[in-house]
Amino acid sequence: MDELNELYQKVLLVVVGVLLSCALAGCTKKKDLSAPPLNPHPKEAVHIHVSFDNPDDAKLYRLSMDGLYQNQQEECGYIASWWVGNFVYPSGQFDIPNESSDPKYGDFTIYLDRYNRETCNWEFSSFGIEVTHISTRWAASTAFGRESIAPGNEFKTVCTFVSADPNMCWDQPRPDPPKLFHKVPLTLRVSQDSALLHPRLPGFFDHFLEPMHPADASSTNSQN
């Protein structure tokens, strides 16, 4: 009986969450999700230097980067389906040119003020690095969140190549996978003179409660 009550409460919570989502985002009323106008004179630059830890890898691989910009504010999106409750918000992913002519490293500039609109402006959210083998065109990639671009930050990733399928880059040490073709360690450095991040805008998903952590659950049970 207790299990049924618990299941009922969970279902009720989901239903209430969907209804609340509709109330906050205007339900199925679609909105314009097109990109804001580009800022003609962006100034808030973040400079990221990407280098191969093994110089010989620069002869075999090329670097590329893209950036994700979006806006998850509830007034800027809408609920696509009342039953599903999925929130649709404006976003776009764009190539960031490599400014380096030296294949030994890549220099990339992310502009935090890439877009220019007073309401529902798109903010920088994350960037991705892709490493491509020149001959086979095999590629490995990973993504980094906005917190990683703090001025002066330095971090590493290791890209492992196993097959022609999309390969991964890993930020934490991992055992070499079976049938490893090659791995490419990289170091990323954010210049000290880079612009500071904009304050994070509260978004639609902030209205949902965070899941209870095991420590919280145990302390709650001990009080009952």
C-alpha atoms as a PDB file:
ATOM      1  CA  MET A   1       0.000   0.000   0.000  1.00  0.00           C
ATOM      2  CA  ASP A   2       2.852   2.336   0.861  1.00  0.00           C
ATOM      3  CA  GLU A   3       4.431   1.610  -2.521  1.00  0.00           C
ATOM      4  CA  LEU A   4       1.176   2.535  -4.308  1.00  0.00           C
ATOM      5  CA  ASN A   5       0.924   5.781  -2.352  1.00  0.00           C
ATOM      6  CA  GLU A   6       4.521   6.620  -3.212  1.00  0.00           C
ATOM      7  CA  LEU A   7       3.885   5.890  -6.902  1.00  0.00           C
ATOM      8  CA  TYR A   8       0.726   8.031  -6.828  1.00  0.00           C
ATOM      9  CA  GLN A   9       2.646  10.915  -5.297  1.00  0.00           C
ATOM     10  CA  LYS A  10       5.324  10.688  -7.982  1.00  0.00           C
ATOM     11  CA  VAL A  11       2.746  10.667 -10.788  1.00  0.00           C
ATOM     12  CA  LEU A  12       0.934  13.604  -9.206  1.00  0.00           C
ATOM     13  CA  LEU A  13       4.205  15.506  -8.931  1.00  0.00           C
ATOM     14  CA  VAL A  14       4.917  14.958 -12.635  1.00  0.00           C
ATOM     15  CA  VAL A  15       1.428  16.133 -13.627  1.00  0.00           C
ATOM     16  CA  VAL A  16       1.717  19.229 -11.449  1.00  0.00           C
ATOM     17  CA  GLY A  17       5.126  19.908 -12.962  1.00  0.00           C
ATOM     18  CA  VAL A  18       3.741  19.751 -16.498  1.00  0.00           C
ATOM     19  CA  LEU A  19       0.833  22.034 -15.620  1.00  0.00           C
ATOM     20  CA  LEU A  20       3.190  24.477 -13.934  1.00  0.00           C
ATOM     21  CA  SER A  21       5.439  24.367 -16.992  1.00  0.00           C
ATOM     22  CA  CYS A  22       2.499  25.287 -19.198  1.00  0.00           C
ATOM     23  CA  ALA A  23       1.521  28.148 -16.930  1.00  0.00           C
ATOM     24  CA  LEU A  24       5.039  29.525 -16.921  1.00  0.00           C
ATOM     25  CA  ALA A  25       5.849  29.128 -20.608  1.00  0.00           C
ATOM     26  CA  GLY A  26       2.517  29.799 -22.233  1.00  0.00           C
ATOM     27  CA  CYS A  27       1.847  26.148 -23.190  1.00  0.00           C
ATOM     28  CA  THR A  28       1.639  25.592 -26.932  1.00  0.00           C
ATOM     29  CA  LYS A  29       1.853  29.246 -27.929  1.00  0.00           C
ATOM     30  CA  LYS A  30       4.832  29.186 -30.262  1.00  0.00           C
ATOM     31  CA  LYS A  31       7.374  31.971 -30.216  1.00  0.00           C
ATOM     32  CA  ASP A  32       9.996  33.294 -32.578  1.00  0.00           C
ATOM     33  CA  LEU A  33      13.164  31.267 -31.989  1.00  0.00           C
ATOM     34  CA  SER A  34      15.249  32.940 -34.683  1.00  0.00           C
ATOM     35  CA  ALA A  35      18.715  34.189 -33.804  1.00  0.00           C
ATOM     36  CA  PRO A  36      19.086  37.778 -32.589  1.00  0.00           C
ATOM     37  CA  PRO A  37      21.017  40.206 -34.781  1.00  0.00           C
ATOM     38  CA  LEU A  38      24.783  39.893 -34.604  1.00  0.00           C
ATOM     39  CA  ASN A  39      26.646  42.518 -32.658  1.00  0.00           C
ATOM     40  CA  PRO A  40      28.554  44.508 -35.316  1.00  0.00           C
ATOM     41  CA  HIS A  41      31.303  45.428 -32.855  1.00  0.00           C
ATOM     42  CA  PRO A  42      31.752  42.638 -30.257  1.00  0.00           C
ATOM     43  CA  LYS A  43      34.320  43.427 -27.574  1.00  0.00           C
ATOM     44  CA  GLU A  44      33.930  40.792 -24.871  1.00  0.00           C
ATOM     45  CA  ALA A  45      36.480  38.297 -26.160  1.00  0.00           C
ATOM     46  CA  VAL A  46      37.617  35.024 -24.596  1.00  0.00           C
ATOM     47  CA  HIS A  47      40.891  33.765 -26.108  1.00  0.00           C
ATOM     48  CA  ILE A  48      41.542  30.023 -25.962  1.00  0.00           C
ATOM     49  CA  HIS A  49      44.873  28.484 -26.980  1.00  0.00           C
ATOM     50  CA  VAL A  50      44.778  24.751 -27.802  1.00  0.00           C
ATOM     51  CA  SER A  51      48.056  22.871 -28.199  1.00  0.00           C
ATOM     52  CA  PHE A  52      49.087  19.300 -28.910  1.00  0.00           C
ATOM     53  CA  ASP A  53      51.003  17.784 -25.995  1.00  0.00           C
ATOM     54  CA  ASN A  54      52.854  15.586 -28.499  1.00  0.00           C
ATOM     55  CA  PRO A  55      54.248  17.804 -31.303  1.00  0.00           C
ATOM     56  CA  ASP A  56      54.142  14.915 -33.806  1.00  0.00           C
ATOM     57  CA  ASP A  57      50.341  14.806 -33.500  1.00  0.00           C
ATOM     58  CA  ALA A  58      50.189  18.221 -35.186  1.00  0.00           C
ATOM     59  CA  LYS A  59      51.383  16.555 -38.377  1.00  0.00           C
ATOM     60  CA  LEU A  60      48.475  14.115 -38.361  1.00  0.00           C
ATOM     61  CA  TYR A  61      45.516  16.001 -36.874  1.00  0.00           C
ATOM     62  CA  ARG A  62      43.673  19.293 -37.216  1.00  0.00           C
ATOM     63  CA  LEU A  63      41.763  21.263 -34.588  1.00  0.00           C
ATOM     64  CA  SER A  64      38.345  22.904 -34.822  1.00  0.00           C
ATOM     65  CA  MET A  65      35.937  24.522 -32.368  1.00  0.00           C
ATOM     66  CA  ASP A  66      32.269  25.431 -32.181  1.00  0.00           C
ATOM     67  CA  GLY A  67      30.215  27.401 -29.684  1.00  0.00           C
ATOM     68  CA  LEU A  68      26.672  26.976 -28.354  1.00  0.00           C
ATOM     69  CA  TYR A  69      24.567  30.069 -27.705  1.00  0.00           C
ATOM     70  CA  GLN A  70      21.058  29.885 -26.254  1.00  0.00           C
ATOM     71  CA  ASN A  71      18.407  31.408 -24.015  1.00  0.00           C
ATOM     72  CA  GLN A  72      16.415  29.206 -21.624  1.00  0.00           C
ATOM     73  CA  GLN A  73      14.379  31.979 -19.999  1.00  0.00           C
ATOM     74  CA  GLU A  74      10.769  30.888 -19.702  1.00  0.00           C
ATOM     75  CA  GLU A  75       9.435  33.962 -21.515  1.00  0.00           C
ATOM     76  CA  CYS A  76      11.663  33.213 -24.520  1.00  0.00           C
ATOM     77  CA  GLY A  77      10.448  29.658 -25.248  1.00  0.00           C
ATOM     78  CA  TYR A  78       7.291  27.577 -25.180  1.00  0.00           C
ATOM     79  CA  ILE A  79       5.931  24.112 -24.379  1.00  0.00           C
ATOM     80  CA  ALA A  80       5.813  22.231 -27.688  1.00  0.00           C
ATOM     81  CA  SER A  81       3.427  19.543 -26.450  1.00  0.00           C
ATOM     82  CA  TRP A  82       1.071  19.738 -23.469  1.00  0.00           C
ATOM     83  CA  TRP A  83       1.236  15.985 -22.962  1.00  0.00           C
ATOM     84  CA  VAL A  84       4.991  15.637 -23.275  1.00  0.00           C
ATOM     85  CA  GLY A  85       5.759  18.925 -21.587  1.00  0.00           C
ATOM     86  CA  ASN A  86       9.037  19.529 -23.431  1.00  0.00           C
ATOM     87  CA  PHE A  87      10.250  23.104 -23.333  1.00  0.00           C
ATOM     88  CA  VAL A  88      11.510  24.500 -26.649  1.00  0.00           C
ATOM     89  CA  TYR A  89      13.948  27.388 -26.409  1.00  0.00           C
ATOM     90  CA  PRO A  90      16.094  29.321 -28.899  1.00  0.00           C
ATOM     91  CA  SER A  91      19.632  28.039 -29.467  1.00  0.00           C
ATOM     92  CA  GLY A  92      22.272  27.689 -32.143  1.00  0.00           C
ATOM     93  CA  GLN A  93      25.694  26.091 -32.591  1.00  0.00           C
ATOM     94  CA  PHE A  94      28.296  27.886 -34.694  1.00  0.00           C
ATOM     95  CA  ASP A  95      31.840  27.334 -35.925  1.00  0.00           C
ATOM     96  CA  ILE A  96      34.561  29.376 -34.237  1.00  0.00           C
ATOM     97  CA  PRO A  97      37.407  30.031 -36.701  1.00  0.00           C
ATOM     98  CA  ASN A  98      40.944  28.898 -35.946  1.00  0.00           C
ATOM     99  CA  GLU A  99      43.035  32.080 -36.073  1.00  0.00           C
ATOM    100  CA  SER A 100      46.361  30.227 -36.038  1.00  0.00           C
ATOM    101  CA  SER A 101      48.297  29.536 -39.235  1.00  0.00           C
ATOM    102  CA  ASP A 102      50.611  27.193 -37.334  1.00  0.00           C
ATOM    103  CA  PRO A 103      49.318  23.582 -37.303  1.00  0.00           C
ATOM    104  CA  LYS A 104      51.072  22.963 -33.969  1.00  0.00           C
ATOM    105  CA  TYR A 105      48.315  24.774 -32.094  1.00  0.00           C
ATOM    106  CA  GLY A 106      44.971  26.499 -32.443  1.00  0.00           C
ATOM    107  CA  ASP A 107      43.921  29.969 -31.349  1.00  0.00           C
ATOM    108  CA  PHE A 108      40.203  30.606 -30.982  1.00  0.00           C
ATOM    109  CA  THR A 109      38.187  33.631 -29.878  1.00  0.00           C
ATOM    110  CA  ILE A 110      34.738  33.325 -28.323  1.00  0.00           C
ATOM    111  CA  TYR A 111      32.719  36.534 -28.142  1.00  0.00           C
ATOM    112  CA  LEU A 112      30.378  36.680 -25.179  1.00  0.00           C
ATOM    113  CA  ASP A 113      28.560  39.633 -26.776  1.00  0.00           C
ATOM    114  CA  ARG A 114      28.192  37.933 -30.166  1.00  0.00           C
ATOM    115  CA  TYR A 115      24.481  38.814 -30.223  1.00  0.00           C
ATOM    116  CA  ASN A 116      22.772  42.119 -29.593  1.00  0.00           C
ATOM    117  CA  ARG A 117      19.129  42.223 -28.509  1.00  0.00           C
ATOM    118  CA  GLU A 118      17.509  43.752 -25.431  1.00  0.00           C
ATOM    119  CA  THR A 119      15.104  40.860 -24.790  1.00  0.00           C
ATOM    120  CA  CYS A 120      15.653  37.111 -25.245  1.00  0.00           C
ATOM    121  CA  ASN A 121      19.247  37.682 -26.251  1.00  0.00           C
ATOM    122  CA  TRP A 122      21.352  34.541 -26.829  1.00  0.00           C
ATOM    123  CA  GLU A 123      24.090  33.930 -24.270  1.00  0.00           C
ATOM    124  CA  PHE A 124      27.204  31.793 -24.602  1.00  0.00           C
ATOM    125  CA  SER A 125      26.599  28.371 -23.039  1.00  0.00           C
ATOM    126  CA  SER A 126      29.438  25.990 -23.993  1.00  0.00           C
ATOM    127  CA  PHE A 127      32.068  25.210 -26.591  1.00  0.00           C
ATOM    128  CA  GLY A 128      33.243  22.025 -28.245  1.00  0.00           C
ATOM    129  CA  ILE A 129      36.636  20.869 -29.539  1.00  0.00           C
ATOM    130  CA  GLU A 130      36.997  18.449 -32.424  1.00  0.00           C
ATOM    131  CA  VAL A 131      40.218  16.712 -33.473  1.00  0.00           C
ATOM    132  CA  THR A 132      40.236  15.274 -37.001  1.00  0.00           C
ATOM    133  CA  HIS A 133      42.754  12.859 -38.503  1.00  0.00           C
ATOM    134  CA  ILE A 134      43.913  14.398 -41.769  1.00  0.00           C
ATOM    135  CA  SER A 135      44.088  11.149 -43.775  1.00  0.00           C
ATOM    136  CA  THR A 136      41.218   9.016 -42.462  1.00  0.00           C
ATOM    137  CA  ARG A 137      38.932  11.921 -41.461  1.00  0.00           C
ATOM    138  CA  TRP A 138      38.238  10.098 -38.207  1.00  0.00           C
ATOM    139  CA  ALA A 139      37.149  12.636 -35.600  1.00  0.00           C
ATOM    140  CA  ALA A 140      36.969  12.852 -31.803  1.00  0.00           C
ATOM    141  CA  SER A 141      35.228  15.580 -29.838  1.00  0.00           C
ATOM    142  CA  THR A 142      34.213  16.843 -26.424  1.00  0.00           C
ATOM    143  CA  ALA A 143      32.421  19.845 -24.937  1.00  0.00           C
ATOM    144  CA  PHE A 144      33.181  22.232 -22.083  1.00  0.00           C
ATOM    145  CA  GLY A 145      30.722  24.314 -20.068  1.00  0.00           C
ATOM    146  CA  ARG A 146      30.773  28.068 -19.620  1.00  0.00           C
ATOM    147  CA  GLU A 147      32.562  27.798 -16.264  1.00  0.00           C
ATOM    148  CA  SER A 148      35.681  26.463 -17.991  1.00  0.00           C
ATOM    149  CA  ILE A 149      36.479  29.751 -19.750  1.00  0.00           C
ATOM    150  CA  ALA A 150      37.478  31.708 -16.648  1.00  0.00           C
ATOM    151  CA  PRO A 151      40.506  33.910 -17.393  1.00  0.00           C
ATOM    152  CA  GLY A 152      43.769  32.071 -16.733  1.00  0.00           C
ATOM    153  CA  ASN A 153      42.149  28.636 -16.583  1.00  0.00           C
ATOM    154  CA  GLU A 154      44.138  25.691 -17.953  1.00  0.00           C
ATOM    155  CA  PHE A 155      42.812  22.188 -18.502  1.00  0.00           C
ATOM    156  CA  LYS A 156      43.532  19.045 -20.470  1.00  0.00           C
ATOM    157  CA  THR A 157      41.674  16.447 -22.497  1.00  0.00           C
ATOM    158  CA  VAL A 158      42.724  13.230 -24.224  1.00  0.00           C
ATOM    159  CA  CYS A 159      41.074  12.226 -27.509  1.00  0.00           C
ATOM    160  CA  THR A 160      40.984   8.495 -28.220  1.00  0.00           C
ATOM    161  CA  PHE A 161      40.571   7.146 -31.735  1.00  0.00           C
ATOM    162  CA  VAL A 162      39.103   3.659 -32.098  1.00  0.00           C
ATOM    163  CA  SER A 163      37.075   3.605 -35.339  1.00  0.00           C
ATOM    164  CA  ALA A 164      35.458   5.688 -38.062  1.00  0.00           C
ATOM    165  CA  ASP A 165      32.465   6.187 -35.755  1.00  0.00           C
ATOM    166  CA  PRO A 166      32.440   9.363 -33.647  1.00  0.00           C
ATOM    167  CA  ASN A 167      35.212   9.118 -31.055  1.00  0.00           C
ATOM    168  CA  MET A 168      35.425  10.797 -27.673  1.00  0.00           C
ATOM    169  CA  CYS A 169      37.804  13.055 -25.781  1.00  0.00           C
ATOM    170  CA  TRP A 170      38.066  12.535 -22.034  1.00  0.00           C
ATOM    171  CA  ASP A 171      38.832  15.090 -19.338  1.00  0.00           C
ATOM    172  CA  GLN A 172      39.662  12.447 -16.721  1.00  0.00           C
ATOM    173  CA  PRO A 173      42.250   9.632 -16.988  1.00  0.00           C
ATOM    174  CA  ARG A 174      40.761   6.437 -18.374  1.00  0.00           C
ATOM    175  CA  PRO A 175      42.119   3.014 -19.339  1.00  0.00           C
ATOM    176  CA  ASP A 176      42.944   2.710 -23.025  1.00  0.00           C
ATOM    177  CA  PRO A 177      39.987   1.180 -24.899  1.00  0.00           C
ATOM    178  CA  PRO A 178      40.420  -2.085 -26.826  1.00  0.00           C
ATOM    179  CA  LYS A 179      41.677  -1.726 -30.397  1.00  0.00           C
ATOM    180  CA  LEU A 180      42.999   1.769 -29.713  1.00  0.00           C
ATOM    181  CA  PHE A 181      44.207   3.360 -32.952  1.00  0.00           C
ATOM    182  CA  HIS A 182      45.742   6.463 -31.399  1.00  0.00           C
ATOM    183  CA  LYS A 183      45.210   8.962 -28.597  1.00  0.00           C
ATOM    184  CA  VAL A 184      45.830  12.684 -28.758  1.00  0.00           C
ATOM    185  CA  PRO A 185      46.370  14.661 -25.534  1.00  0.00           C
ATOM    186  CA  LEU A 186      45.609  18.378 -25.687  1.00  0.00           C
ATOM    187  CA  THR A 187      46.132  21.343 -23.360  1.00  0.00           C
ATOM    188  CA  LEU A 188      43.689  24.262 -23.395  1.00  0.00           C
ATOM    189  CA  ARG A 189      44.611  27.643 -21.922  1.00  0.00           C
ATOM    190  CA  VAL A 190      42.327  30.645 -21.450  1.00  0.00           C
ATOM    191  CA  SER A 191      44.242  33.907 -21.662  1.00  0.00           C
ATOM    192  CA  GLN A 192      44.408  36.126 -18.594  1.00  0.00           C
ATOM    193  CA  ASP A 193      43.024  39.105 -20.509  1.00  0.00           C
ATOM    194  CA  SER A 194      39.828  37.288 -21.487  1.00  0.00           C
ATOM    195  CA  ALA A 195      36.448  38.854 -20.711  1.00  0.00           C
ATOM    196  CA  LEU A 196      34.523  37.781 -17.633  1.00  0.00           C
ATOM    197  CA  LEU A 197      31.389  35.687 -18.038  1.00  0.00           C
ATOM    198  CA  HIS A 198      27.991  37.363 -17.914  1.00  0.00           C
ATOM    199  CA  PRO A 199      25.898  36.504 -14.854  1.00  0.00           C
ATOM    200  CA  ARG A 200      23.852  33.402 -15.535  1.00  0.00           C
ATOM    201  CA  LEU A 201      20.233  34.205 -16.416  1.00  0.00           C
ATOM    202  CA  PRO A 202      17.571  32.252 -14.476  1.00  0.00           C
ATOM    203  CA  GLY A 203      15.971  29.762 -16.833  1.00  0.00           C
ATOM    204  CA  PHE A 204      12.875  27.645 -17.238  1.00  0.00           C
ATOM    205  CA  PHE A 205      14.483  24.528 -15.763  1.00  0.00           C
ATOM    206  CA  ASP A 206      15.389  26.355 -12.545  1.00  0.00           C
ATOM    207  CA  HIS A 207      11.758  25.966 -11.448  1.00  0.00           C
ATOM    208  CA  PHE A 208      12.160  22.236 -10.994  1.00  0.00           C
ATOM    209  CA  LEU A 209      13.349  20.848  -7.685  1.00  0.00           C
ATOM    210  CA  GLU A 210      16.796  19.305  -7.589  1.00  0.00           C
ATOM    211  CA  PRO A 211      16.809  15.553  -6.887  1.00  0.00           C
ATOM    212  CA  MET A 212      17.449  14.654  -3.277  1.00  0.00           C
ATOM    213  CA  HIS A 213      20.999  13.465  -2.631  1.00  0.00           C
ATOM    214  CA  PRO A 214      21.585  10.205  -0.690  1.00  0.00           C
ATOM    215  CA  ALA A 215      23.044  12.171   2.239  1.00  0.00           C
ATOM    216  CA  ASP A 216      19.916  14.321   2.417  1.00  0.00           C
ATOM    217  CA  ALA A 217      17.679  11.263   2.305  1.00  0.00           C
ATOM    218  CA  SER A 218      19.529   9.540   5.149  1.00  0.00           C
ATOM    219  CA  SER A 219      19.396  12.630   7.349  1.00  0.00           C
ATOM    220  CA  THR A 220      15.658  12.987   6.672  1.00  0.00           C
ATOM    221  CA  ASN A 221      15.004   9.350   7.586  1.00  0.00           C
ATOM    222  CA  SER A 222      16.993   9.711  10.788  1.00  0.00           C
ATOM    223  CA  GLN A 223      14.716  12.538  11.883  1.00  0.00           C
ATOM    224  CA  ASN A 224      11.539  10.507  11.386  1.00  0.00           C
END
